[in-house]
């Protein structure tokens, strides 16, 4: 458990306060966004296609042919 706490603190997803670990406010959103970014980069590397992030409030459309 201590190694997990240190990993979170090292990635600035948590901070140590005395004997406690305090998690970042939007921890799940942050981790989800990191995973999506990693998946987008992997997709780009595998296909050679550009990875364009969606912007809030803007419609996204396209054709998937997989």
PDB file of N, CA and C in Angstrom:
ATOM      1  N   UNK A   1       0.824  -1.184   0.000  1.00  0.00           N
ATOM      2  CA  UNK A   1       0.000   0.000   0.000  1.00  0.00           C
ATOM      3  C   UNK A   1       0.877   1.260   0.000  1.00  0.00           C
ATOM      4  N   UNK A   2       1.985   1.185   0.702  1.00  0.00           N
ATOM      5  CA  UNK A   2       2.877   2.339   0.774  1.00  0.00           C
ATOM      6  C   UNK A   2       3.455   2.687  -0.597  1.00  0.00           C
ATOM      7  N   UNK A   3       3.797   1.653  -1.385  1.00  0.00           N
ATOM      8  CA  UNK A   3       4.328   1.891  -2.728  1.00  0.00           C
ATOM      9  C   UNK A   3       3.274   2.562  -3.608  1.00  0.00           C
ATOM     10  N   UNK A   4       2.021   2.150  -3.453  1.00  0.00           N
ATOM     11  CA  UNK A   4       0.917   2.758  -4.204  1.00  0.00           C
ATOM     12  C   UNK A   4       0.786   4.237  -3.835  1.00  0.00           C
ATOM     13  N   UNK A   5       0.859   4.539  -2.543  1.00  0.00           N
ATOM     14  CA  UNK A   5       0.785   5.927  -2.082  1.00  0.00           C
ATOM     15  C   UNK A   5       1.925   6.759  -2.645  1.00  0.00           C
ATOM     16  N   UNK A   6       3.119   6.195  -2.650  1.00  0.00           N
ATOM     17  CA  UNK A   6       4.279   6.908  -3.173  1.00  0.00           C
ATOM     18  C   UNK A   6       4.142   7.150  -4.677  1.00  0.00           C
ATOM     19  N   UNK A   7       3.596   6.175  -5.382  1.00  0.00           N
ATOM     20  CA  UNK A   7       3.384   6.324  -6.823  1.00  0.00           C
ATOM     21  C   UNK A   7       2.410   7.470  -7.100  1.00  0.00           C
ATOM     22  N   UNK A   8       1.307   7.522  -6.365  1.00  0.00           N
ATOM     23  CA  UNK A   8       0.329   8.598  -6.543  1.00  0.00           C
ATOM     24  C   UNK A   8       0.949   9.961  -6.213  1.00  0.00           C
ATOM     25  N   UNK A   9       1.709  10.013  -5.154  1.00  0.00           N
ATOM     26  CA  UNK A   9       2.358  11.265  -4.764  1.00  0.00           C
ATOM     27  C   UNK A   9       3.393  11.683  -5.811  1.00  0.00           C
ATOM     28  N   UNK A  10       4.114  10.726  -6.352  1.00  0.00           N
ATOM     29  CA  UNK A  10       5.118  11.016  -7.375  1.00  0.00           C
ATOM     30  C   UNK A  10       4.506  11.556  -8.652  1.00  0.00           C
ATOM     31  N   UNK A  11       3.294  11.126  -8.967  1.00  0.00           N
ATOM     32  CA  UNK A  11       2.593  11.601 -10.158  1.00  0.00           C
ATOM     33  C   UNK A  11       1.729  12.828  -9.861  1.00  0.00           C
ATOM     34  N   UNK A  12       1.862  13.357  -8.666  1.00  0.00           N
ATOM     35  CA  UNK A  12       1.086  14.527  -8.212  1.00  0.00           C
ATOM     36  C   UNK A  12      -0.416  14.279  -8.250  1.00  0.00           C
ATOM     37  N   UNK A  13      -0.800  13.040  -7.993  1.00  0.00           N
ATOM     38  CA  UNK A  13      -2.209  12.686  -7.899  1.00  0.00           C
ATOM     39  C   UNK A  13      -2.664  12.634  -6.450  1.00  0.00           C
ATOM     40  N   UNK A  14      -1.699  12.769  -5.547  1.00  0.00           N
ATOM     41  CA  UNK A  14      -1.981  12.774  -4.114  1.00  0.00           C
ATOM     42  C   UNK A  14      -0.859  13.533  -3.413  1.00  0.00           C
ATOM     43  N   UNK A  15      -1.139  13.939  -2.193  1.00  0.00           N
ATOM     44  CA  UNK A  15      -0.105  14.600  -1.399  1.00  0.00           C
ATOM     45  C   UNK A  15      -0.085  13.991  -0.005  1.00  0.00           C
ATOM     46  N   UNK A  16       1.070  14.028   0.606  1.00  0.00           N
ATOM     47  CA  UNK A  16       1.223  13.469   1.946  1.00  0.00           C
ATOM     48  C   UNK A  16       1.062  14.585   2.972  1.00  0.00           C
ATOM     49  N   UNK A  17       0.204  14.344   3.951  1.00  0.00           N
ATOM     50  CA  UNK A  17       0.013  15.272   5.059  1.00  0.00           C
ATOM     51  C   UNK A  17       0.154  14.471   6.348  1.00  0.00           C
ATOM     52  N   UNK A  18       1.279  14.655   7.005  1.00  0.00           N
ATOM     53  CA  UNK A  18       1.621  13.873   8.196  1.00  0.00           C
ATOM     54  C   UNK A  18       1.614  12.388   7.845  1.00  0.00           C
ATOM     55  N   UNK A  19       0.764  11.607   8.469  1.00  0.00           N
ATOM     56  CA  UNK A  19       0.691  10.167   8.241  1.00  0.00           C
ATOM     57  C   UNK A  19      -0.345   9.800   7.182  1.00  0.00           C
ATOM     58  N   UNK A  20      -1.014  10.795   6.590  1.00  0.00           N
ATOM     59  CA  UNK A  20      -2.118  10.526   5.666  1.00  0.00           C
ATOM     60  C   UNK A  20      -1.750  10.876   4.234  1.00  0.00           C
ATOM     61  N   UNK A  21      -2.470  10.262   3.323  1.00  0.00           N
ATOM     62  CA  UNK A  21      -2.366  10.581   1.902  1.00  0.00           C
ATOM     63  C   UNK A  21      -3.682  11.244   1.512  1.00  0.00           C
ATOM     64  N   UNK A  22      -3.601  12.430   0.912  1.00  0.00           N
ATOM     65  CA  UNK A  22      -4.788  13.149   0.464  1.00  0.00           C
ATOM     66  C   UNK A  22      -4.810  13.092  -1.055  1.00  0.00           C
ATOM     67  N   UNK A  23      -5.875  12.508  -1.604  1.00  0.00           N
ATOM     68  CA  UNK A  23      -5.996  12.346  -3.048  1.00  0.00           C
ATOM     69  C   UNK A  23      -6.390  13.658  -3.706  1.00  0.00           C
ATOM     70  N   UNK A  24      -5.947  13.845  -4.935  1.00  0.00           N
ATOM     71  CA  UNK A  24      -6.283  15.018  -5.728  1.00  0.00           C
ATOM     72  C   UNK A  24      -7.799  15.066  -5.913  1.00  0.00           C
ATOM     73  N   UNK A  25      -8.345  16.276  -5.982  1.00  0.00           N
ATOM     74  CA  UNK A  25      -9.792  16.455  -6.060  1.00  0.00           C
ATOM     75  C   UNK A  25     -10.415  15.711  -7.243  1.00  0.00           C
ATOM     76  N   UNK A  26      -9.884  15.863  -8.431  1.00  0.00           N
ATOM     77  CA  UNK A  26     -10.447  15.238  -9.627  1.00  0.00           C
ATOM     78  C   UNK A  26      -9.600  14.057 -10.076  1.00  0.00           C
ATOM     79  N   UNK A  27      -9.280  13.184  -9.151  1.00  0.00           N
ATOM     80  CA  UNK A  27      -8.375  12.067  -9.429  1.00  0.00           C
ATOM     81  C   UNK A  27      -8.893  11.184 -10.561  1.00  0.00           C
ATOM     82  N   UNK A  28     -10.155  10.778 -10.510  1.00  0.00           N
ATOM     83  CA  UNK A  28     -10.674   9.875 -11.536  1.00  0.00           C
ATOM     84  C   UNK A  28     -10.704  10.534 -12.901  1.00  0.00           C
ATOM     85  N   UNK A  29     -11.077  11.793 -12.970  1.00  0.00           N
ATOM     86  CA  UNK A  29     -11.093  12.511 -14.249  1.00  0.00           C
ATOM     87  C   UNK A  29      -9.677  12.620 -14.802  1.00  0.00           C
ATOM     88  N   UNK A  30      -8.717  12.934 -13.947  1.00  0.00           N
ATOM     89  CA  UNK A  30      -7.328  13.063 -14.367  1.00  0.00           C
ATOM     90  C   UNK A  30      -6.793  11.750 -14.918  1.00  0.00           C
ATOM     91  N   UNK A  31      -7.051  10.653 -14.204  1.00  0.00           N
ATOM     92  CA  UNK A  31      -6.567   9.343 -14.642  1.00  0.00           C
ATOM     93  C   UNK A  31      -7.252   8.942 -15.950  1.00  0.00           C
ATOM     94  N   UNK A  32      -8.545   9.191 -16.056  1.00  0.00           N
ATOM     95  CA  UNK A  32      -9.282   8.863 -17.288  1.00  0.00           C
ATOM     96  C   UNK A  32      -8.719   9.638 -18.476  1.00  0.00           C
ATOM     97  N   UNK A  33      -8.464  10.920 -18.288  1.00  0.00           N
ATOM     98  CA  UNK A  33      -7.911  11.734 -19.374  1.00  0.00           C
ATOM     99  C   UNK A  33      -6.533  11.249 -19.785  1.00  0.00           C
ATOM    100  N   UNK A  34      -5.712  10.861 -18.816  1.00  0.00           N
ATOM    101  CA  UNK A  34      -4.385  10.324 -19.139  1.00  0.00           C
ATOM    102  C   UNK A  34      -4.495   9.048 -19.953  1.00  0.00           C
ATOM    103  N   UNK A  35      -5.448   8.168 -19.580  1.00  0.00           N
ATOM    104  CA  UNK A  35      -5.630   6.920 -20.313  1.00  0.00           C
ATOM    105  C   UNK A  35      -6.124   7.186 -21.729  1.00  0.00           C
ATOM    106  N   UNK A  36      -7.048   8.134 -21.895  1.00  0.00           N
ATOM    107  CA  UNK A  36      -7.541   8.483 -23.226  1.00  0.00           C
ATOM    108  C   UNK A  36      -6.430   9.063 -24.092  1.00  0.00           C
ATOM    109  N   UNK A  37      -5.600   9.917 -23.502  1.00  0.00           N
ATOM    110  CA  UNK A  37      -4.474  10.487 -24.250  1.00  0.00           C
ATOM    111  C   UNK A  37      -3.508   9.398 -24.691  1.00  0.00           C
ATOM    112  N   UNK A  38      -3.233   8.446 -23.793  1.00  0.00           N
ATOM    113  CA  UNK A  38      -2.324   7.341 -24.133  1.00  0.00           C
ATOM    114  C   UNK A  38      -2.918   6.473 -25.240  1.00  0.00           C
ATOM    115  N   UNK A  39      -4.220   6.220 -25.167  1.00  0.00           N
ATOM    116  CA  UNK A  39      -4.874   5.420 -26.212  1.00  0.00           C
ATOM    117  C   UNK A  39      -4.845   6.160 -27.547  1.00  0.00           C
ATOM    118  N   UNK A  40      -5.036   7.472 -27.522  1.00  0.00           N
ATOM    119  CA  UNK A  40      -4.981   8.265 -28.745  1.00  0.00           C
ATOM    120  C   UNK A  40      -3.601   8.254 -29.370  1.00  0.00           C
ATOM    121  N   UNK A  41      -2.570   8.358 -28.544  1.00  0.00           N
ATOM    122  CA  UNK A  41      -1.198   8.309 -29.048  1.00  0.00           C
ATOM    123  C   UNK A  41      -0.881   6.939 -29.648  1.00  0.00           C
ATOM    124  N   UNK A  42      -1.355   5.883 -28.990  1.00  0.00           N
ATOM    125  CA  UNK A  42      -1.139   4.530 -29.500  1.00  0.00           C
ATOM    126  C   UNK A  42      -1.849   4.352 -30.842  1.00  0.00           C
ATOM    127  N   UNK A  43      -3.083   4.829 -30.927  1.00  0.00           N
ATOM    128  CA  UNK A  43      -3.848   4.750 -32.168  1.00  0.00           C
ATOM    129  C   UNK A  43      -3.123   5.491 -33.284  1.00  0.00           C
ATOM    130  N   UNK A  44      -2.614   6.669 -32.974  1.00  0.00           N
ATOM    131  CA  UNK A  44      -1.888   7.473 -33.960  1.00  0.00           C
ATOM    132  C   UNK A  44      -0.640   6.729 -34.443  1.00  0.00           C
ATOM    133  N   UNK A  45       0.083   6.137 -33.519  1.00  0.00           N
ATOM    134  CA  UNK A  45       1.304   5.415 -33.884  1.00  0.00           C
ATOM    135  C   UNK A  45       0.999   4.183 -34.734  1.00  0.00           C
ATOM    136  N   UNK A  46      -0.095   3.498 -34.430  1.00  0.00           N
ATOM    137  CA  UNK A  46      -0.434   2.275 -35.152  1.00  0.00           C
ATOM    138  C   UNK A  46      -1.009   2.546 -36.539  1.00  0.00           C
ATOM    139  N   UNK A  47      -1.758   3.640 -36.675  1.00  0.00           N
ATOM    140  CA  UNK A  47      -2.472   3.883 -37.931  1.00  0.00           C
ATOM    141  C   UNK A  47      -1.862   4.982 -38.786  1.00  0.00           C
ATOM    142  N   UNK A  48      -1.078   5.852 -38.170  1.00  0.00           N
ATOM    143  CA  UNK A  48      -0.537   6.992 -38.891  1.00  0.00           C
ATOM    144  C   UNK A  48      -1.535   8.128 -39.034  1.00  0.00           C
ATOM    145  N   UNK A  49      -2.716   7.956 -38.462  1.00  0.00           N
ATOM    146  CA  UNK A  49      -3.735   8.998 -38.502  1.00  0.00           C
ATOM    147  C   UNK A  49      -3.553   9.949 -37.333  1.00  0.00           C
ATOM    148  N   UNK A  50      -4.009  11.167 -37.500  1.00  0.00           N
ATOM    149  CA  UNK A  50      -3.876  12.173 -36.446  1.00  0.00           C
ATOM    150  C   UNK A  50      -4.875  11.909 -35.326  1.00  0.00           C
ATOM    151  N   UNK A  51      -4.460  12.194 -34.109  1.00  0.00           N
ATOM    152  CA  UNK A  51      -5.342  12.112 -32.945  1.00  0.00           C
ATOM    153  C   UNK A  51      -5.772  13.527 -32.599  1.00  0.00           C
ATOM    154  N   UNK A  52      -7.029  13.801 -32.796  1.00  0.00           N
ATOM    155  CA  UNK A  52      -7.568  15.125 -32.497  1.00  0.00           C
ATOM    156  C   UNK A  52      -8.462  15.021 -31.276  1.00  0.00           C
ATOM    157  N   UNK A  53      -8.154  15.789 -30.251  1.00  0.00           N
ATOM    158  CA  UNK A  53      -8.957  15.760 -29.028  1.00  0.00           C
ATOM    159  C   UNK A  53     -10.272  16.492 -29.261  1.00  0.00           C
ATOM    160  N   UNK A  54     -11.322  15.956 -28.682  1.00  0.00           N
ATOM    161  CA  UNK A  54     -12.624  16.605 -28.755  1.00  0.00           C
ATOM    162  C   UNK A  54     -12.606  17.849 -27.870  1.00  0.00           C
ATOM    163  N   UNK A  55     -13.330  18.853 -28.289  1.00  0.00           N
ATOM    164  CA  UNK A  55     -13.436  20.101 -27.536  1.00  0.00           C
ATOM    165  C   UNK A  55     -14.857  20.206 -26.998  1.00  0.00           C
ATOM    166  N   UNK A  56     -14.988  20.601 -25.734  1.00  0.00           N
ATOM    167  CA  UNK A  56     -16.302  20.712 -25.118  1.00  0.00           C
ATOM    168  C   UNK A  56     -17.186  21.674 -25.916  1.00  0.00           C
ATOM    169  N   UNK A  57     -18.408  21.248 -26.177  1.00  0.00           N
ATOM    170  CA  UNK A  57     -19.362  22.081 -26.868  1.00  0.00           C
ATOM    171  C   UNK A  57     -19.288  22.007 -28.377  1.00  0.00           C
ATOM    172  N   UNK A  58     -18.340  21.261 -28.921  1.00  0.00           N
ATOM    173  CA  UNK A  58     -18.182  21.144 -30.373  1.00  0.00           C
ATOM    174  C   UNK A  58     -18.566  19.724 -30.789  1.00  0.00           C
ATOM    175  N   UNK A  59     -19.399  19.599 -31.788  1.00  0.00           N
ATOM    176  CA  UNK A  59     -19.816  18.295 -32.272  1.00  0.00           C
ATOM    177  C   UNK A  59     -18.661  17.600 -32.989  1.00  0.00           C
ATOM    178  N   UNK A  60     -18.584  16.299 -32.807  1.00  0.00           N
ATOM    179  CA  UNK A  60     -17.582  15.490 -33.485  1.00  0.00           C
ATOM    180  C   UNK A  60     -18.316  14.502 -34.387  1.00  0.00           C
ATOM    181  N   UNK A  61     -17.817  14.327 -35.599  1.00  0.00           N
ATOM    182  CA  UNK A  61     -18.433  13.361 -36.502  1.00  0.00           C
ATOM    183  C   UNK A  61     -17.350  12.720 -37.340  1.00  0.00           C
ATOM    184  N   UNK A  62     -17.700  11.613 -37.948  1.00  0.00           N
ATOM    185  CA  UNK A  62     -16.740  10.926 -38.798  1.00  0.00           C
ATOM    186  C   UNK A  62     -17.239   9.558 -39.137  1.00  0.00           C
ATOM    187  N   UNK A  63     -16.411   8.825 -39.826  1.00  0.00           N
ATOM    188  CA  UNK A  63     -16.760   7.475 -40.236  1.00  0.00           C
ATOM    189  C   UNK A  63     -15.685   6.547 -39.718  1.00  0.00           C
ATOM    190  N   UNK A  64     -16.101   5.506 -39.042  1.00  0.00           N
ATOM    191  CA  UNK A  64     -15.167   4.495 -38.570  1.00  0.00           C
ATOM    192  C   UNK A  64     -15.271   3.299 -39.500  1.00  0.00           C
ATOM    193  N   UNK A  65     -14.172   2.908 -40.038  1.00  0.00           N
ATOM    194  CA  UNK A  65     -14.165   1.715 -40.904  1.00  0.00           C
ATOM    195  C   UNK A  65     -13.095   0.764 -40.403  1.00  0.00           C
ATOM    196  N   UNK A  66     -13.431   0.029 -39.378  1.00  0.00           N
ATOM    197  CA  UNK A  66     -12.465  -0.848 -38.763  1.00  0.00           C
ATOM    198  C   UNK A  66     -12.784  -2.217 -39.020  1.00  0.00           C
TER     199      UNK A  66
END
